[in-house]
Amino acid sequence: MKLIKSTLIGCLSAGVLVAGSVHAESISSDTVMQTQVAQYNKTQLIDMVNRADVQNKLMSLGVNSNDAVARINAMTDSEIAQLNDEINQAPAGGIVGAVLTVLAVIAILDLAGVTDVYPFIRPVSN
């Protein structure tokens, strides 16, 4: 009985020491919502790029759809939200144009050396 009591006290003491070093922090519902909205927006853009009409237009402009998806994945949450807002406010036929405009702006930024998204574009300054 004494052995069981000593073992139990030892285990409880070890548990208290370990539990004392654990730090938990609450996550606000606002943070969770922002994360979910950002993920939804990113998924929405990737689904749009994967559409056949958008892929055909990208191919006609010489842009690989995999490069476009990689760029979307590299965008910050605020950039994705801004792009989605612009697309959602565009007329129904202008969605493809809005996506292509963004991709063209990214290509121009690559040419200027501001970004390095498309590996096939060399900056003008080099």
N, C-alpha and C. Protein backbone atom coordinates (compact mmCIF):
# COMPACT_ATOMS: atom_id res chain seq x y z
N MET A 1 0.82 -1.19 0.00
CA MET A 1 0.00 0.00 0.00
C MET A 1 0.86 1.25 0.00
N LYS A 2 1.95 1.21 0.81
CA LYS A 2 2.85 2.37 0.85
C LYS A 2 3.52 2.59 -0.50
N LEU A 3 3.85 1.52 -1.18
CA LEU A 3 4.50 1.63 -2.49
C LEU A 3 3.55 2.28 -3.51
N ILE A 4 2.29 1.89 -3.48
CA ILE A 4 1.31 2.48 -4.39
C ILE A 4 1.10 3.95 -4.07
N LYS A 5 1.02 4.26 -2.77
CA LYS A 5 0.83 5.65 -2.36
C LYS A 5 2.02 6.50 -2.78
N SER A 6 3.23 6.01 -2.61
CA SER A 6 4.45 6.74 -2.98
C SER A 6 4.51 6.93 -4.50
N THR A 7 4.16 5.90 -5.23
CA THR A 7 4.17 5.98 -6.70
C THR A 7 3.14 7.00 -7.17
N LEU A 8 1.96 6.97 -6.59
CA LEU A 8 0.90 7.90 -6.95
C LEU A 8 1.31 9.34 -6.66
N ILE A 9 1.91 9.58 -5.51
CA ILE A 9 2.37 10.93 -5.16
C ILE A 9 3.47 11.37 -6.12
N GLY A 10 4.37 10.48 -6.46
CA GLY A 10 5.45 10.80 -7.41
C GLY A 10 4.89 11.17 -8.79
N CYS A 11 3.91 10.40 -9.26
CA CYS A 11 3.30 10.69 -10.56
C CYS A 11 2.57 12.02 -10.55
N LEU A 12 1.83 12.28 -9.50
CA LEU A 12 1.11 13.54 -9.40
C LEU A 12 2.07 14.73 -9.34
N SER A 13 3.15 14.57 -8.59
CA SER A 13 4.16 15.63 -8.50
C SER A 13 4.78 15.90 -9.86
N ALA A 14 5.10 14.84 -10.59
CA ALA A 14 5.67 15.01 -11.93
C ALA A 14 4.66 15.67 -12.86
N GLY A 15 3.40 15.30 -12.74
CA GLY A 15 2.35 15.91 -13.56
C GLY A 15 2.19 17.38 -13.29
N VAL A 16 2.28 17.77 -12.02
CA VAL A 16 2.17 19.18 -11.66
C VAL A 16 3.35 19.97 -12.22
N LEU A 17 4.54 19.42 -12.16
CA LEU A 17 5.72 20.10 -12.70
C LEU A 17 5.61 20.28 -14.20
N VAL A 18 5.17 19.25 -14.89
CA VAL A 18 5.03 19.35 -16.35
C VAL A 18 3.91 20.32 -16.71
N ALA A 19 2.80 20.22 -16.01
CA ALA A 19 1.66 21.09 -16.31
C ALA A 19 1.98 22.56 -16.01
N GLY A 20 2.87 22.81 -15.07
CA GLY A 20 3.24 24.17 -14.75
C GLY A 20 4.00 24.86 -15.86
N SER A 21 4.65 24.08 -16.75
CA SER A 21 5.43 24.69 -17.83
C SER A 21 4.63 24.81 -19.13
N VAL A 22 3.43 24.30 -19.16
CA VAL A 22 2.60 24.37 -20.35
C VAL A 22 1.92 25.74 -20.40
N HIS A 23 1.92 26.33 -21.60
CA HIS A 23 1.32 27.64 -21.77
C HIS A 23 0.27 27.55 -22.87
N ALA A 24 -0.93 27.85 -22.56
CA ALA A 24 -2.01 27.83 -23.55
C ALA A 24 -2.52 29.24 -23.76
N GLU A 25 -2.88 29.52 -25.00
CA GLU A 25 -3.38 30.84 -25.32
C GLU A 25 -4.68 30.68 -26.09
N SER A 26 -5.64 31.49 -25.79
CA SER A 26 -6.91 31.38 -26.50
C SER A 26 -6.79 32.08 -27.85
N ILE A 27 -7.57 31.59 -28.77
CA ILE A 27 -7.61 32.17 -30.11
C ILE A 27 -8.97 32.81 -30.29
N SER A 28 -8.95 34.05 -30.72
CA SER A 28 -10.22 34.76 -30.88
C SER A 28 -10.98 34.23 -32.09
N SER A 29 -12.26 34.35 -32.04
CA SER A 29 -13.09 33.90 -33.16
C SER A 29 -12.82 34.76 -34.39
N ASP A 30 -12.43 36.01 -34.18
CA ASP A 30 -12.10 36.90 -35.30
C ASP A 30 -10.89 36.37 -36.07
N THR A 31 -9.89 35.89 -35.35
CA THR A 31 -8.69 35.33 -35.98
C THR A 31 -9.05 34.08 -36.78
N VAL A 32 -9.88 33.25 -36.21
CA VAL A 32 -10.30 32.03 -36.91
C VAL A 32 -11.09 32.39 -38.17
N MET A 33 -11.96 33.35 -38.07
CA MET A 33 -12.76 33.77 -39.22
C MET A 33 -11.88 34.34 -40.33
N GLN A 34 -10.91 35.17 -39.96
CA GLN A 34 -10.01 35.74 -40.95
C GLN A 34 -9.22 34.65 -41.67
N THR A 35 -8.78 33.66 -40.94
CA THR A 35 -8.04 32.55 -41.54
C THR A 35 -8.93 31.78 -42.50
N GLN A 36 -10.17 31.52 -42.09
CA GLN A 36 -11.10 30.78 -42.94
C GLN A 36 -11.45 31.57 -44.21
N VAL A 37 -11.66 32.87 -44.08
CA VAL A 37 -11.98 33.71 -45.23
C VAL A 37 -10.80 33.74 -46.20
N ALA A 38 -9.59 33.87 -45.68
CA ALA A 38 -8.41 33.90 -46.53
C ALA A 38 -8.26 32.58 -47.28
N GLN A 39 -8.48 31.48 -46.61
CA GLN A 39 -8.38 30.17 -47.26
C GLN A 39 -9.46 30.01 -48.32
N TYR A 40 -10.68 30.47 -48.03
CA TYR A 40 -11.77 30.40 -49.00
C TYR A 40 -11.45 31.25 -50.23
N ASN A 41 -10.96 32.46 -50.01
CA ASN A 41 -10.61 33.34 -51.14
C ASN A 41 -9.54 32.73 -52.01
N LYS A 42 -8.52 32.13 -51.39
CA LYS A 42 -7.44 31.50 -52.16
C LYS A 42 -7.99 30.33 -52.97
N THR A 43 -8.83 29.52 -52.36
CA THR A 43 -9.43 28.39 -53.06
C THR A 43 -10.29 28.85 -54.22
N GLN A 44 -11.01 29.94 -54.02
CA GLN A 44 -11.87 30.50 -55.06
C GLN A 44 -11.03 30.94 -56.26
N LEU A 45 -9.90 31.59 -56.01
CA LEU A 45 -9.04 32.04 -57.11
C LEU A 45 -8.41 30.86 -57.85
N ILE A 46 -7.96 29.87 -57.11
CA ILE A 46 -7.34 28.70 -57.74
C ILE A 46 -8.38 27.96 -58.59
N ASP A 47 -9.60 27.83 -58.08
CA ASP A 47 -10.66 27.19 -58.86
C ASP A 47 -10.92 27.97 -60.15
N MET A 48 -10.85 29.29 -60.07
CA MET A 48 -11.08 30.11 -61.26
C MET A 48 -9.97 29.89 -62.28
N VAL A 49 -8.73 29.84 -61.83
CA VAL A 49 -7.60 29.62 -62.75
C VAL A 49 -7.69 28.24 -63.37
N ASN A 50 -8.26 27.28 -62.68
CA ASN A 50 -8.37 25.92 -63.20
C ASN A 50 -9.53 25.74 -64.18
N ARG A 51 -10.34 26.78 -64.37
CA ARG A 51 -11.42 26.69 -65.35
C ARG A 51 -10.84 26.65 -66.75
N ALA A 52 -11.51 25.94 -67.65
CA ALA A 52 -11.00 25.74 -69.01
C ALA A 52 -10.86 27.06 -69.76
N ASP A 53 -11.84 27.97 -69.64
CA ASP A 53 -11.76 29.22 -70.39
C ASP A 53 -10.62 30.11 -69.92
N VAL A 54 -10.37 30.10 -68.62
CA VAL A 54 -9.26 30.89 -68.08
C VAL A 54 -7.94 30.27 -68.50
N GLN A 55 -7.84 28.96 -68.45
CA GLN A 55 -6.59 28.29 -68.86
C GLN A 55 -6.30 28.54 -70.33
N ASN A 56 -7.33 28.51 -71.18
CA ASN A 56 -7.12 28.80 -72.60
C ASN A 56 -6.60 30.21 -72.81
N LYS A 57 -7.18 31.17 -72.07
CA LYS A 57 -6.74 32.56 -72.21
C LYS A 57 -5.30 32.72 -71.69
N LEU A 58 -4.99 32.06 -70.58
CA LEU A 58 -3.63 32.13 -70.04
C LEU A 58 -2.64 31.55 -71.04
N MET A 59 -2.99 30.42 -71.63
CA MET A 59 -2.10 29.79 -72.61
C MET A 59 -1.90 30.69 -73.82
N SER A 60 -2.95 31.40 -74.25
CA SER A 60 -2.81 32.29 -75.39
C SER A 60 -1.89 33.46 -75.07
N LEU A 61 -1.78 33.79 -73.78
CA LEU A 61 -0.87 34.86 -73.36
C LEU A 61 0.51 34.36 -72.99
N GLY A 62 0.70 33.03 -73.06
CA GLY A 62 2.00 32.44 -72.75
C GLY A 62 2.26 32.24 -71.27
N VAL A 63 1.20 32.17 -70.48
CA VAL A 63 1.34 31.97 -69.04
C VAL A 63 0.86 30.56 -68.70
N ASN A 64 1.70 29.82 -68.01
CA ASN A 64 1.35 28.47 -67.57
C ASN A 64 0.41 28.57 -66.38
N SER A 65 -0.64 27.76 -66.38
CA SER A 65 -1.60 27.83 -65.27
C SER A 65 -0.96 27.40 -63.95
N ASN A 66 0.04 26.53 -64.00
CA ASN A 66 0.75 26.14 -62.77
C ASN A 66 1.50 27.33 -62.18
N ASP A 67 2.05 28.20 -63.04
CA ASP A 67 2.72 29.41 -62.56
C ASP A 67 1.72 30.36 -61.92
N ALA A 68 0.52 30.43 -62.51
CA ALA A 68 -0.52 31.30 -61.95
C ALA A 68 -0.95 30.80 -60.58
N VAL A 69 -1.11 29.49 -60.44
CA VAL A 69 -1.49 28.91 -59.14
C VAL A 69 -0.37 29.12 -58.13
N ALA A 70 0.87 28.97 -58.56
CA ALA A 70 2.00 29.20 -57.66
C ALA A 70 2.02 30.65 -57.18
N ARG A 71 1.69 31.57 -58.06
CA ARG A 71 1.65 32.99 -57.68
C ARG A 71 0.53 33.24 -56.69
N ILE A 72 -0.62 32.63 -56.91
CA ILE A 72 -1.73 32.79 -55.98
C ILE A 72 -1.33 32.27 -54.61
N ASN A 73 -0.66 31.13 -54.58
CA ASN A 73 -0.22 30.56 -53.31
C ASN A 73 0.82 31.43 -52.62
N ALA A 74 1.55 32.23 -53.40
CA ALA A 74 2.58 33.10 -52.82
C ALA A 74 2.03 34.45 -52.36
N MET A 75 0.80 34.75 -52.72
CA MET A 75 0.21 36.04 -52.36
C MET A 75 -0.14 36.08 -50.88
N THR A 76 -0.10 37.28 -50.32
CA THR A 76 -0.50 37.46 -48.93
C THR A 76 -2.02 37.44 -48.85
N ASP A 77 -2.52 37.28 -47.64
CA ASP A 77 -3.97 37.25 -47.44
C ASP A 77 -4.63 38.56 -47.88
N SER A 78 -3.97 39.68 -47.64
CA SER A 78 -4.55 40.97 -48.04
C SER A 78 -4.56 41.12 -49.55
N GLU A 79 -3.53 40.63 -50.25
CA GLU A 79 -3.52 40.69 -51.71
C GLU A 79 -4.63 39.83 -52.29
N ILE A 80 -4.82 38.65 -51.73
CA ILE A 80 -5.88 37.76 -52.21
C ILE A 80 -7.24 38.38 -51.97
N ALA A 81 -7.44 38.98 -50.80
CA ALA A 81 -8.72 39.61 -50.50
C ALA A 81 -8.99 40.76 -51.46
N GLN A 82 -7.98 41.56 -51.75
CA GLN A 82 -8.13 42.68 -52.67
C GLN A 82 -8.47 42.18 -54.07
N LEU A 83 -7.77 41.15 -54.52
CA LEU A 83 -8.04 40.60 -55.85
C LEU A 83 -9.44 40.02 -55.92
N ASN A 84 -9.85 39.30 -54.91
CA ASN A 84 -11.20 38.74 -54.89
C ASN A 84 -12.25 39.83 -54.89
N ASP A 85 -12.03 40.91 -54.16
CA ASP A 85 -12.97 42.03 -54.16
C ASP A 85 -13.11 42.62 -55.56
N GLU A 86 -11.97 42.79 -56.24
CA GLU A 86 -12.00 43.35 -57.60
C GLU A 86 -12.74 42.42 -58.55
N ILE A 87 -12.50 41.12 -58.42
CA ILE A 87 -13.16 40.15 -59.30
C ILE A 87 -14.66 40.12 -59.03
N ASN A 88 -15.03 40.13 -57.76
CA ASN A 88 -16.45 40.07 -57.41
C ASN A 88 -17.20 41.32 -57.82
N GLN A 89 -16.52 42.45 -57.94
CA GLN A 89 -17.17 43.69 -58.36
C GLN A 89 -17.18 43.86 -59.87
N ALA A 90 -16.41 43.02 -60.56
CA ALA A 90 -16.34 43.11 -62.02
C ALA A 90 -17.62 42.56 -62.64
N PRO A 91 -17.95 43.02 -63.83
CA PRO A 91 -19.11 42.44 -64.52
C PRO A 91 -18.87 40.96 -64.79
N ALA A 92 -19.92 40.21 -65.04
CA ALA A 92 -19.81 38.75 -65.20
C ALA A 92 -18.80 38.37 -66.27
N GLY A 93 -18.76 39.06 -67.37
CA GLY A 93 -17.81 38.74 -68.42
C GLY A 93 -16.41 39.24 -68.14
N GLY A 94 -16.25 40.08 -67.12
CA GLY A 94 -14.96 40.68 -66.84
C GLY A 94 -14.10 39.91 -65.87
N ILE A 95 -14.56 38.76 -65.41
CA ILE A 95 -13.79 38.00 -64.44
C ILE A 95 -12.48 37.54 -65.04
N VAL A 96 -12.53 36.99 -66.23
CA VAL A 96 -11.32 36.52 -66.88
C VAL A 96 -10.38 37.70 -67.11
N GLY A 97 -10.95 38.82 -67.51
CA GLY A 97 -10.13 40.01 -67.73
C GLY A 97 -9.46 40.49 -66.46
N ALA A 98 -10.18 40.41 -65.35
CA ALA A 98 -9.61 40.84 -64.07
C ALA A 98 -8.46 39.95 -63.66
N VAL A 99 -8.63 38.64 -63.81
CA VAL A 99 -7.55 37.71 -63.47
C VAL A 99 -6.35 37.96 -64.36
N LEU A 100 -6.59 38.13 -65.63
CA LEU A 100 -5.49 38.36 -66.57
C LEU A 100 -4.80 39.70 -66.30
N THR A 101 -5.56 40.69 -65.89
CA THR A 101 -4.97 41.98 -65.54
C THR A 101 -4.02 41.83 -64.36
N VAL A 102 -4.45 41.09 -63.37
CA VAL A 102 -3.59 40.88 -62.20
C VAL A 102 -2.33 40.13 -62.60
N LEU A 103 -2.48 39.10 -63.41
CA LEU A 103 -1.31 38.33 -63.85
C LEU A 103 -0.37 39.20 -64.69
N ALA A 104 -0.94 40.09 -65.51
CA ALA A 104 -0.11 40.99 -66.30
C ALA A 104 0.64 41.98 -65.40
N VAL A 105 -0.03 42.49 -64.39
CA VAL A 105 0.63 43.40 -63.44
C VAL A 105 1.78 42.68 -62.74
N ILE A 106 1.55 41.44 -62.38
CA ILE A 106 2.61 40.65 -61.73
C ILE A 106 3.79 40.46 -62.68
N ALA A 107 3.50 40.22 -63.97
CA ALA A 107 4.57 40.07 -64.95
C ALA A 107 5.36 41.37 -65.09
N ILE A 108 4.67 42.50 -65.08
CA ILE A 108 5.35 43.80 -65.18
C ILE A 108 6.23 44.03 -63.95
N LEU A 109 5.72 43.66 -62.77
CA LEU A 109 6.52 43.79 -61.56
C LEU A 109 7.75 42.88 -61.61
N ASP A 110 7.60 41.71 -62.22
CA ASP A 110 8.76 40.83 -62.41
C ASP A 110 9.79 41.48 -63.33
N LEU A 111 9.31 42.10 -64.41
CA LEU A 111 10.22 42.78 -65.33
C LEU A 111 10.96 43.93 -64.64
N ALA A 112 10.27 44.60 -63.74
CA ALA A 112 10.88 45.72 -63.02
C ALA A 112 11.80 45.25 -61.90
N GLY A 113 11.75 43.96 -61.58
CA GLY A 113 12.60 43.43 -60.52
C GLY A 113 12.01 43.56 -59.14
N VAL A 114 10.76 43.96 -59.03
CA VAL A 114 10.10 44.12 -57.74
C VAL A 114 9.74 42.76 -57.16
N THR A 115 9.25 41.85 -58.01
CA THR A 115 8.91 40.50 -57.57
C THR A 115 9.69 39.49 -58.40
N ASP A 116 9.65 38.25 -57.98
CA ASP A 116 10.28 37.17 -58.73
C ASP A 116 9.33 35.98 -58.73
N VAL A 117 8.21 36.12 -59.44
CA VAL A 117 7.17 35.11 -59.45
C VAL A 117 7.37 34.16 -60.63
N TYR A 118 7.49 34.71 -61.81
CA TYR A 118 7.62 33.90 -63.01
C TYR A 118 9.11 33.66 -63.29
N PRO A 119 9.55 32.41 -63.24
CA PRO A 119 10.97 32.13 -63.44
C PRO A 119 11.46 32.42 -64.85
N PHE A 120 10.56 32.48 -65.83
CA PHE A 120 10.96 32.72 -67.21
C PHE A 120 11.11 34.19 -67.54
N ILE A 121 10.78 35.09 -66.61
CA ILE A 121 10.92 36.53 -66.84
C ILE A 121 12.16 37.01 -66.12
N ARG A 122 13.06 37.63 -66.89
CA ARG A 122 14.28 38.21 -66.33
C ARG A 122 14.06 39.70 -66.09
N PRO A 123 14.47 40.21 -64.91
CA PRO A 123 14.31 41.65 -64.66
C PRO A 123 15.11 42.48 -65.65
N VAL A 124 14.61 43.65 -65.97
CA VAL A 124 15.27 44.54 -66.91
C VAL A 124 16.62 45.00 -66.38
N SER A 125 16.75 45.16 -65.09
CA SER A 125 17.99 45.68 -64.49
C SER A 125 19.13 44.68 -64.55
N ASN A 126 18.84 43.39 -64.81
CA ASN A 126 19.94 42.36 -64.86
C ASN A 126 20.51 42.29 -66.19
